[in-house]
Amino acid sequence: MQTAAQARQSSNDSLSGLTFIDILISGATMSGIYTIIVSPQYLSTGSRATLVSNGYTVTPKYYSNDDPSSGNPPAYIISW
């Protein structure tokens, strides 16, 4: 059994290396979907830049009661 520290490191590695996002994209493409919506907790500035440099579009998603001027979107739309 892995230790809690190992589990935390594996989770951090998955998020920082975009493994989690890649799994979501793979699942979406297998279903014929061209867009996913992801919480900002899964996308750092660097990971957004990596997605864009690989041809993805990353757009902030605001809902009706959100303040777009806050700079903190509740989600991001990733499309291809």
PDB file of N, CA and C in Angstrom:
ATOM      1  N   MET A   1       0.850  -1.180   0.000  1.00  0.00           N
ATOM      2  CA  MET A   1       0.000   0.000   0.000  1.00  0.00           C
ATOM      3  C   MET A   1       0.889   1.235   0.000  1.00  0.00           C
ATOM      4  N   GLN A   2       0.506   2.223  -0.812  1.00  0.00           N
ATOM      5  CA  GLN A   2       1.292   3.460  -0.857  1.00  0.00           C
ATOM      6  C   GLN A   2       0.992   4.326   0.360  1.00  0.00           C
ATOM      7  N   THR A   3       1.958   5.093   0.745  1.00  0.00           N
ATOM      8  CA  THR A   3       1.783   5.994   1.871  1.00  0.00           C
ATOM      9  C   THR A   3       0.947   7.202   1.439  1.00  0.00           C
ATOM     10  N   ALA A   4       0.480   7.953   2.411  1.00  0.00           N
ATOM     11  CA  ALA A   4      -0.288   9.160   2.109  1.00  0.00           C
ATOM     12  C   ALA A   4       0.567  10.147   1.327  1.00  0.00           C
ATOM     13  N   ALA A   5       1.840  10.262   1.676  1.00  0.00           N
ATOM     14  CA  ALA A   5       2.745  11.173   0.968  1.00  0.00           C
ATOM     15  C   ALA A   5       2.906  10.753  -0.489  1.00  0.00           C
ATOM     16  N   GLN A   6       3.010   9.459  -0.740  1.00  0.00           N
ATOM     17  CA  GLN A   6       3.128   8.966  -2.112  1.00  0.00           C
ATOM     18  C   GLN A   6       1.843   9.226  -2.896  1.00  0.00           C
ATOM     19  N   ALA A   7       0.708   9.018  -2.249  1.00  0.00           N
ATOM     20  CA  ALA A   7      -0.576   9.269  -2.915  1.00  0.00           C
ATOM     21  C   ALA A   7      -0.706  10.744  -3.265  1.00  0.00           C
ATOM     22  N   ARG A   8      -0.319  11.626  -2.333  1.00  0.00           N
ATOM     23  CA  ARG A   8      -0.387  13.064  -2.597  1.00  0.00           C
ATOM     24  C   ARG A   8       0.527  13.433  -3.757  1.00  0.00           C
ATOM     25  N   GLN A   9       1.739  12.879  -3.773  1.00  0.00           N
ATOM     26  CA  GLN A   9       2.678  13.183  -4.856  1.00  0.00           C
ATOM     27  C   GLN A   9       2.154  12.682  -6.193  1.00  0.00           C
ATOM     28  N   SER A  10       1.554  11.506  -6.208  1.00  0.00           N
ATOM     29  CA  SER A  10       0.981  10.975  -7.449  1.00  0.00           C
ATOM     30  C   SER A  10      -0.146  11.869  -7.957  1.00  0.00           C
ATOM     31  N   SER A  11      -0.984  12.359  -7.033  1.00  0.00           N
ATOM     32  CA  SER A  11      -2.058  13.263  -7.422  1.00  0.00           C
ATOM     33  C   SER A  11      -1.503  14.563  -7.975  1.00  0.00           C
ATOM     34  N   ASN A  12      -0.508  15.117  -7.301  1.00  0.00           N
ATOM     35  CA  ASN A  12       0.120  16.356  -7.764  1.00  0.00           C
ATOM     36  C   ASN A  12       0.765  16.171  -9.127  1.00  0.00           C
ATOM     37  N   ASP A  13       1.443  15.051  -9.323  1.00  0.00           N
ATOM     38  CA  ASP A  13       2.078  14.770 -10.615  1.00  0.00           C
ATOM     39  C   ASP A  13       1.040  14.658 -11.725  1.00  0.00           C
ATOM     40  N   SER A  14      -0.076  14.026 -11.420  1.00  0.00           N
ATOM     41  CA  SER A  14      -1.144  13.864 -12.409  1.00  0.00           C
ATOM     42  C   SER A  14      -1.700  15.209 -12.833  1.00  0.00           C
ATOM     43  N   LEU A  15      -1.906  16.098 -11.868  1.00  0.00           N
ATOM     44  CA  LEU A  15      -2.454  17.413 -12.194  1.00  0.00           C
ATOM     45  C   LEU A  15      -1.445  18.286 -12.909  1.00  0.00           C
ATOM     46  N   SER A  16      -0.212  18.297 -12.442  1.00  0.00           N
ATOM     47  CA  SER A  16       0.791  19.175 -13.050  1.00  0.00           C
ATOM     48  C   SER A  16       1.202  18.697 -14.433  1.00  0.00           C
ATOM     49  N   GLY A  17       1.120  17.414 -14.685  1.00  0.00           N
ATOM     50  CA  GLY A  17       1.494  16.869 -15.980  1.00  0.00           C
ATOM     51  C   GLY A  17       0.333  16.759 -16.947  1.00  0.00           C
ATOM     52  N   LEU A  18      -0.814  17.290 -16.574  1.00  0.00           N
ATOM     53  CA  LEU A  18      -2.031  17.270 -17.389  1.00  0.00           C
ATOM     54  C   LEU A  18      -2.564  15.867 -17.654  1.00  0.00           C
ATOM     55  N   THR A  19      -2.155  14.883 -16.860  1.00  0.00           N
ATOM     56  CA  THR A  19      -2.671  13.528 -17.031  1.00  0.00           C
ATOM     57  C   THR A  19      -4.177  13.491 -16.838  1.00  0.00           C
ATOM     58  N   PHE A  20      -4.665  14.168 -15.806  1.00  0.00           N
ATOM     59  CA  PHE A  20      -6.094  14.195 -15.521  1.00  0.00           C
ATOM     60  C   PHE A  20      -6.869  14.805 -16.687  1.00  0.00           C
ATOM     61  N   ILE A  21      -6.388  15.928 -17.198  1.00  0.00           N
ATOM     62  CA  ILE A  21      -7.049  16.601 -18.320  1.00  0.00           C
ATOM     63  C   ILE A  21      -7.007  15.714 -19.560  1.00  0.00           C
ATOM     64  N   ASP A  22      -5.877  15.051 -19.788  1.00  0.00           N
ATOM     65  CA  ASP A  22      -5.751  14.159 -20.941  1.00  0.00           C
ATOM     66  C   ASP A  22      -6.763  13.017 -20.858  1.00  0.00           C
ATOM     67  N   ILE A  23      -6.989  12.496 -19.659  1.00  0.00           N
ATOM     68  CA  ILE A  23      -7.981  11.425 -19.483  1.00  0.00           C
ATOM     69  C   ILE A  23      -9.376  11.951 -19.802  1.00  0.00           C
ATOM     70  N   LEU A  24      -9.686  13.169 -19.340  1.00  0.00           N
ATOM     71  CA  LEU A  24     -11.000  13.759 -19.641  1.00  0.00           C
ATOM     72  C   LEU A  24     -11.176  13.974 -21.138  1.00  0.00           C
ATOM     73  N   ILE A  25     -10.136  14.482 -21.790  1.00  0.00           N
ATOM     74  CA  ILE A  25     -10.204  14.729 -23.235  1.00  0.00           C
ATOM     75  C   ILE A  25     -10.364  13.417 -23.992  1.00  0.00           C
ATOM     76  N   SER A  26      -9.622  12.407 -23.593  1.00  0.00           N
ATOM     77  CA  SER A  26      -9.730  11.101 -24.256  1.00  0.00           C
ATOM     78  C   SER A  26     -11.131  10.534 -24.131  1.00  0.00           C
ATOM     79  N   GLY A  27     -11.711  10.637 -22.947  1.00  0.00           N
ATOM     80  CA  GLY A  27     -13.074  10.150 -22.746  1.00  0.00           C
ATOM     81  C   GLY A  27     -14.079  10.924 -23.585  1.00  0.00           C
ATOM     82  N   ALA A  28     -13.889  12.238 -23.655  1.00  0.00           N
ATOM     83  CA  ALA A  28     -14.803  13.067 -24.452  1.00  0.00           C
ATOM     84  C   ALA A  28     -14.697  12.726 -25.930  1.00  0.00           C
ATOM     85  N   THR A  29     -13.478  12.570 -26.433  1.00  0.00           N
ATOM     86  CA  THR A  29     -13.314  12.284 -27.856  1.00  0.00           C
ATOM     87  C   THR A  29     -13.905  10.924 -28.223  1.00  0.00           C
ATOM     88  N   MET A  30     -13.829   9.965 -27.298  1.00  0.00           N
ATOM     89  CA  MET A  30     -14.418   8.649 -27.567  1.00  0.00           C
ATOM     90  C   MET A  30     -15.942   8.731 -27.631  1.00  0.00           C
ATOM     91  N   SER A  31     -16.503   9.792 -27.059  1.00  0.00           N
ATOM     92  CA  SER A  31     -17.950   9.994 -27.092  1.00  0.00           C
ATOM     93  C   SER A  31     -18.369  10.984 -28.171  1.00  0.00           C
ATOM     94  N   GLY A  32     -17.409  11.448 -28.972  1.00  0.00           N
ATOM     95  CA  GLY A  32     -17.724  12.389 -30.041  1.00  0.00           C
ATOM     96  C   GLY A  32     -17.946  13.807 -29.557  1.00  0.00           C
ATOM     97  N   ILE A  33     -17.400  14.147 -28.400  1.00  0.00           N
ATOM     98  CA  ILE A  33     -17.556  15.471 -27.821  1.00  0.00           C
ATOM     99  C   ILE A  33     -16.311  16.300 -28.123  1.00  0.00           C
ATOM    100  N   TYR A  34     -16.482  17.595 -28.365  1.00  0.00           N
ATOM    101  CA  TYR A  34     -15.377  18.482 -28.731  1.00  0.00           C
ATOM    102  C   TYR A  34     -15.030  19.493 -27.644  1.00  0.00           C
ATOM    103  N   THR A  35     -15.676  19.397 -26.485  1.00  0.00           N
ATOM    104  CA  THR A  35     -15.491  20.374 -25.424  1.00  0.00           C
ATOM    105  C   THR A  35     -15.636  19.704 -24.069  1.00  0.00           C
ATOM    106  N   ILE A  36     -14.804  20.137 -23.100  1.00  0.00           N
ATOM    107  CA  ILE A  36     -15.004  19.739 -21.713  1.00  0.00           C
ATOM    108  C   ILE A  36     -14.995  20.999 -20.849  1.00  0.00           C
ATOM    109  N   ILE A  37     -15.636  20.932 -19.703  1.00  0.00           N
ATOM    110  CA  ILE A  37     -15.626  22.032 -18.736  1.00  0.00           C
ATOM    111  C   ILE A  37     -14.887  21.540 -17.503  1.00  0.00           C
ATOM    112  N   VAL A  38     -13.883  22.320 -17.081  1.00  0.00           N
ATOM    113  CA  VAL A  38     -12.990  21.899 -16.010  1.00  0.00           C
ATOM    114  C   VAL A  38     -12.904  22.979 -14.938  1.00  0.00           C
ATOM    115  N   SER A  39     -12.881  22.557 -13.700  1.00  0.00           N
ATOM    116  CA  SER A  39     -12.705  23.475 -12.576  1.00  0.00           C
ATOM    117  C   SER A  39     -11.316  24.096 -12.627  1.00  0.00           C
ATOM    118  N   PRO A  40     -11.173  25.364 -12.226  1.00  0.00           N
ATOM    119  CA  PRO A  40      -9.854  26.005 -12.259  1.00  0.00           C
ATOM    120  C   PRO A  40      -8.840  25.344 -11.343  1.00  0.00           C
ATOM    121  N   GLN A  41      -9.281  24.578 -10.374  1.00  0.00           N
ATOM    122  CA  GLN A  41      -8.329  23.908  -9.490  1.00  0.00           C
ATOM    123  C   GLN A  41      -7.478  22.892 -10.240  1.00  0.00           C
ATOM    124  N   TYR A  42      -7.914  22.471 -11.413  1.00  0.00           N
ATOM    125  CA  TYR A  42      -7.171  21.498 -12.210  1.00  0.00           C
ATOM    126  C   TYR A  42      -6.309  22.143 -13.288  1.00  0.00           C
ATOM    127  N   LEU A  43      -6.349  23.478 -13.406  1.00  0.00           N
ATOM    128  CA  LEU A  43      -5.613  24.156 -14.461  1.00  0.00           C
ATOM    129  C   LEU A  43      -4.791  25.310 -13.903  1.00  0.00           C
ATOM    130  N   SER A  44      -3.500  25.136 -13.876  1.00  0.00           N
ATOM    131  CA  SER A  44      -2.620  26.239 -13.502  1.00  0.00           C
ATOM    132  C   SER A  44      -2.386  27.108 -14.736  1.00  0.00           C
ATOM    133  N   THR A  45      -1.755  28.240 -14.534  1.00  0.00           N
ATOM    134  CA  THR A  45      -1.418  29.109 -15.667  1.00  0.00           C
ATOM    135  C   THR A  45      -0.543  28.360 -16.664  1.00  0.00           C
ATOM    136  N   GLY A  46       0.404  27.602 -16.144  1.00  0.00           N
ATOM    137  CA  GLY A  46       1.299  26.830 -17.016  1.00  0.00           C
ATOM    138  C   GLY A  46       0.575  25.749 -17.795  1.00  0.00           C
ATOM    139  N   SER A  47      -0.355  25.064 -17.144  1.00  0.00           N
ATOM    140  CA  SER A  47      -1.073  24.009 -17.854  1.00  0.00           C
ATOM    141  C   SER A  47      -2.005  24.586 -18.914  1.00  0.00           C
ATOM    142  N   ARG A  48      -2.593  25.763 -18.640  1.00  0.00           N
ATOM    143  CA  ARG A  48      -3.410  26.420 -19.673  1.00  0.00           C
ATOM    144  C   ARG A  48      -2.538  26.785 -20.871  1.00  0.00           C
ATOM    145  N   ALA A  49      -1.343  27.303 -20.607  1.00  0.00           N
ATOM    146  CA  ALA A  49      -0.426  27.662 -21.692  1.00  0.00           C
ATOM    147  C   ALA A  49      -0.027  26.430 -22.494  1.00  0.00           C
ATOM    148  N   THR A  50       0.198  25.319 -21.819  1.00  0.00           N
ATOM    149  CA  THR A  50       0.555  24.074 -22.507  1.00  0.00           C
ATOM    150  C   THR A  50      -0.582  23.614 -23.410  1.00  0.00           C
ATOM    151  N   LEU A  51      -1.802  23.680 -22.904  1.00  0.00           N
ATOM    152  CA  LEU A  51      -2.951  23.294 -23.731  1.00  0.00           C
ATOM    153  C   LEU A  51      -3.059  24.173 -24.966  1.00  0.00           C
ATOM    154  N   VAL A  52      -2.931  25.477 -24.783  1.00  0.00           N
ATOM    155  CA  VAL A  52      -3.029  26.419 -25.914  1.00  0.00           C
ATOM    156  C   VAL A  52      -1.923  26.153 -26.921  1.00  0.00           C
ATOM    157  N   SER A  53      -0.713  25.903 -26.435  1.00  0.00           N
ATOM    158  CA  SER A  53       0.404  25.659 -27.362  1.00  0.00           C
ATOM    159  C   SER A  53       0.241  24.341 -28.116  1.00  0.00           C
ATOM    160  N   ASN A  54      -0.637  23.474 -27.607  1.00  0.00           N
ATOM    161  CA  ASN A  54      -0.916  22.217 -28.293  1.00  0.00           C
ATOM    162  C   ASN A  54      -2.205  22.274 -29.105  1.00  0.00           C
ATOM    163  N   GLY A  55      -2.722  23.484 -29.339  1.00  0.00           N
ATOM    164  CA  GLY A  55      -3.846  23.656 -30.243  1.00  0.00           C
ATOM    165  C   GLY A  55      -5.219  23.708 -29.601  1.00  0.00           C
ATOM    166  N   TYR A  56      -5.299  23.603 -28.291  1.00  0.00           N
ATOM    167  CA  TYR A  56      -6.594  23.672 -27.617  1.00  0.00           C
ATOM    168  C   TYR A  56      -6.983  25.125 -27.380  1.00  0.00           C
ATOM    169  N   THR A  57      -8.268  25.355 -27.259  1.00  0.00           N
ATOM    170  CA  THR A  57      -8.776  26.662 -26.863  1.00  0.00           C
ATOM    171  C   THR A  57      -9.213  26.545 -25.410  1.00  0.00           C
ATOM    172  N   VAL A  58      -8.737  27.453 -24.568  1.00  0.00           N
ATOM    173  CA  VAL A  58      -9.103  27.454 -23.148  1.00  0.00           C
ATOM    174  C   VAL A  58      -9.785  28.788 -22.857  1.00  0.00           C
ATOM    175  N   THR A  59     -11.068  28.725 -22.521  1.00  0.00           N
ATOM    176  CA  THR A  59     -11.886  29.926 -22.332  1.00  0.00           C
ATOM    177  C   THR A  59     -12.478  29.929 -20.931  1.00  0.00           C
ATOM    178  N   PRO A  60     -12.402  31.047 -20.214  1.00  0.00           N
ATOM    179  CA  PRO A  60     -13.070  31.119 -18.907  1.00  0.00           C
ATOM    180  C   PRO A  60     -14.577  30.968 -19.068  1.00  0.00           C
ATOM    181  N   LYS A  61     -15.197  30.256 -18.157  1.00  0.00           N
ATOM    182  CA  LYS A  61     -16.652  30.038 -18.183  1.00  0.00           C
ATOM    183  C   LYS A  61     -17.262  30.729 -16.977  1.00  0.00           C
ATOM    184  N   TYR A  62     -18.078  31.740 -17.233  1.00  0.00           N
ATOM    185  CA  TYR A  62     -18.788  32.439 -16.169  1.00  0.00           C
ATOM    186  C   TYR A  62     -20.258  32.083 -16.238  1.00  0.00           C
ATOM    187  N   TYR A  63     -20.886  32.020 -15.092  1.00  0.00           N
ATOM    188  CA  TYR A  63     -22.310  31.734 -15.022  1.00  0.00           C
ATOM    189  C   TYR A  63     -23.064  33.034 -14.739  1.00  0.00           C
ATOM    190  N   SER A  64     -24.379  33.004 -14.769  1.00  0.00           N
ATOM    191  CA  SER A  64     -25.181  34.224 -14.729  1.00  0.00           C
ATOM    192  C   SER A  64     -24.922  35.113 -13.510  1.00  0.00           C
ATOM    193  N   ASN A  65     -24.617  34.544 -12.359  1.00  0.00           N
ATOM    194  CA  ASN A  65     -24.414  35.346 -11.154  1.00  0.00           C
ATOM    195  C   ASN A  65     -22.951  35.679 -10.876  1.00  0.00           C
ATOM    196  N   ASP A  66     -22.056  35.294 -11.762  1.00  0.00           N
ATOM    197  CA  ASP A  66     -20.625  35.533 -11.565  1.00  0.00           C
ATOM    198  C   ASP A  66     -20.233  36.929 -12.026  1.00  0.00           C
ATOM    199  N   ASP A  67     -19.182  37.435 -11.434  1.00  0.00           N
ATOM    200  CA  ASP A  67     -18.638  38.734 -11.811  1.00  0.00           C
ATOM    201  C   ASP A  67     -17.387  38.510 -12.660  1.00  0.00           C
ATOM    202  N   PRO A  68     -17.475  38.668 -13.982  1.00  0.00           N
ATOM    203  CA  PRO A  68     -16.320  38.444 -14.846  1.00  0.00           C
ATOM    204  C   PRO A  68     -15.126  39.333 -14.506  1.00  0.00           C
ATOM    205  N   SER A  69     -15.373  40.482 -13.887  1.00  0.00           N
ATOM    206  CA  SER A  69     -14.254  41.364 -13.556  1.00  0.00           C
ATOM    207  C   SER A  69     -13.455  40.866 -12.354  1.00  0.00           C
ATOM    208  N   SER A  70     -13.939  39.829 -11.678  1.00  0.00           N
ATOM    209  CA  SER A  70     -13.209  39.295 -10.521  1.00  0.00           C
ATOM    210  C   SER A  70     -11.927  38.599 -10.941  1.00  0.00           C
ATOM    211  N   GLY A  71     -11.870  38.134 -12.197  1.00  0.00           N
ATOM    212  CA  GLY A  71     -10.674  37.437 -12.677  1.00  0.00           C
ATOM    213  C   GLY A  71     -10.591  35.999 -12.232  1.00  0.00           C
ATOM    214  N   ASN A  72     -11.591  35.510 -11.522  1.00  0.00           N
ATOM    215  CA  ASN A  72     -11.599  34.137 -11.025  1.00  0.00           C
ATOM    216  C   ASN A  72     -12.801  33.382 -11.577  1.00  0.00           C
ATOM    217  N   PRO A  73     -12.677  32.834 -12.778  1.00  0.00           N
ATOM    218  CA  PRO A  73     -13.818  32.111 -13.342  1.00  0.00           C
ATOM    219  C   PRO A  73     -14.072  30.826 -12.560  1.00  0.00           C
ATOM    220  N   PRO A  74     -15.323  30.412 -12.463  1.00  0.00           N
ATOM    221  CA  PRO A  74     -15.633  29.173 -11.756  1.00  0.00           C
ATOM    222  C   PRO A  74     -15.294  27.923 -12.563  1.00  0.00           C
ATOM    223  N   ALA A  75     -15.004  28.088 -13.843  1.00  0.00           N
ATOM    224  CA  ALA A  75     -14.669  26.951 -14.695  1.00  0.00           C
ATOM    225  C   ALA A  75     -13.963  27.432 -15.962  1.00  0.00           C
ATOM    226  N   TYR A  76     -13.360  26.471 -16.647  1.00  0.00           N
ATOM    227  CA  TYR A  76     -12.766  26.740 -17.956  1.00  0.00           C
ATOM    228  C   TYR A  76     -13.352  25.771 -18.962  1.00  0.00           C
ATOM    229  N   ILE A  77     -13.578  26.259 -20.167  1.00  0.00           N
ATOM    230  CA  ILE A  77     -14.004  25.411 -21.275  1.00  0.00           C
ATOM    231  C   ILE A  77     -12.762  25.108 -22.093  1.00  0.00           C
ATOM    232  N   ILE A  78     -12.493  23.834 -22.280  1.00  0.00           N
ATOM    233  CA  ILE A  78     -11.386  23.394 -23.131  1.00  0.00           C
ATOM    234  C   ILE A  78     -12.014  22.778 -24.368  1.00  0.00           C
ATOM    235  N   SER A  79     -11.651  23.294 -25.521  1.00  0.00           N
ATOM    236  CA  SER A  79     -12.228  22.782 -26.766  1.00  0.00           C
ATOM    237  C   SER A  79     -11.128  22.516 -27.783  1.00  0.00           C
ATOM    238  N   TRP A  80     -11.479  21.679 -28.764  1.00  0.00           N
ATOM    239  CA  TRP A  80     -10.525  21.293 -29.812  1.00  0.00           C
ATOM    240  C   TRP A  80     -11.228  21.140 -31.135  1.00  0.00           C
TER     241      TRP A  80
END
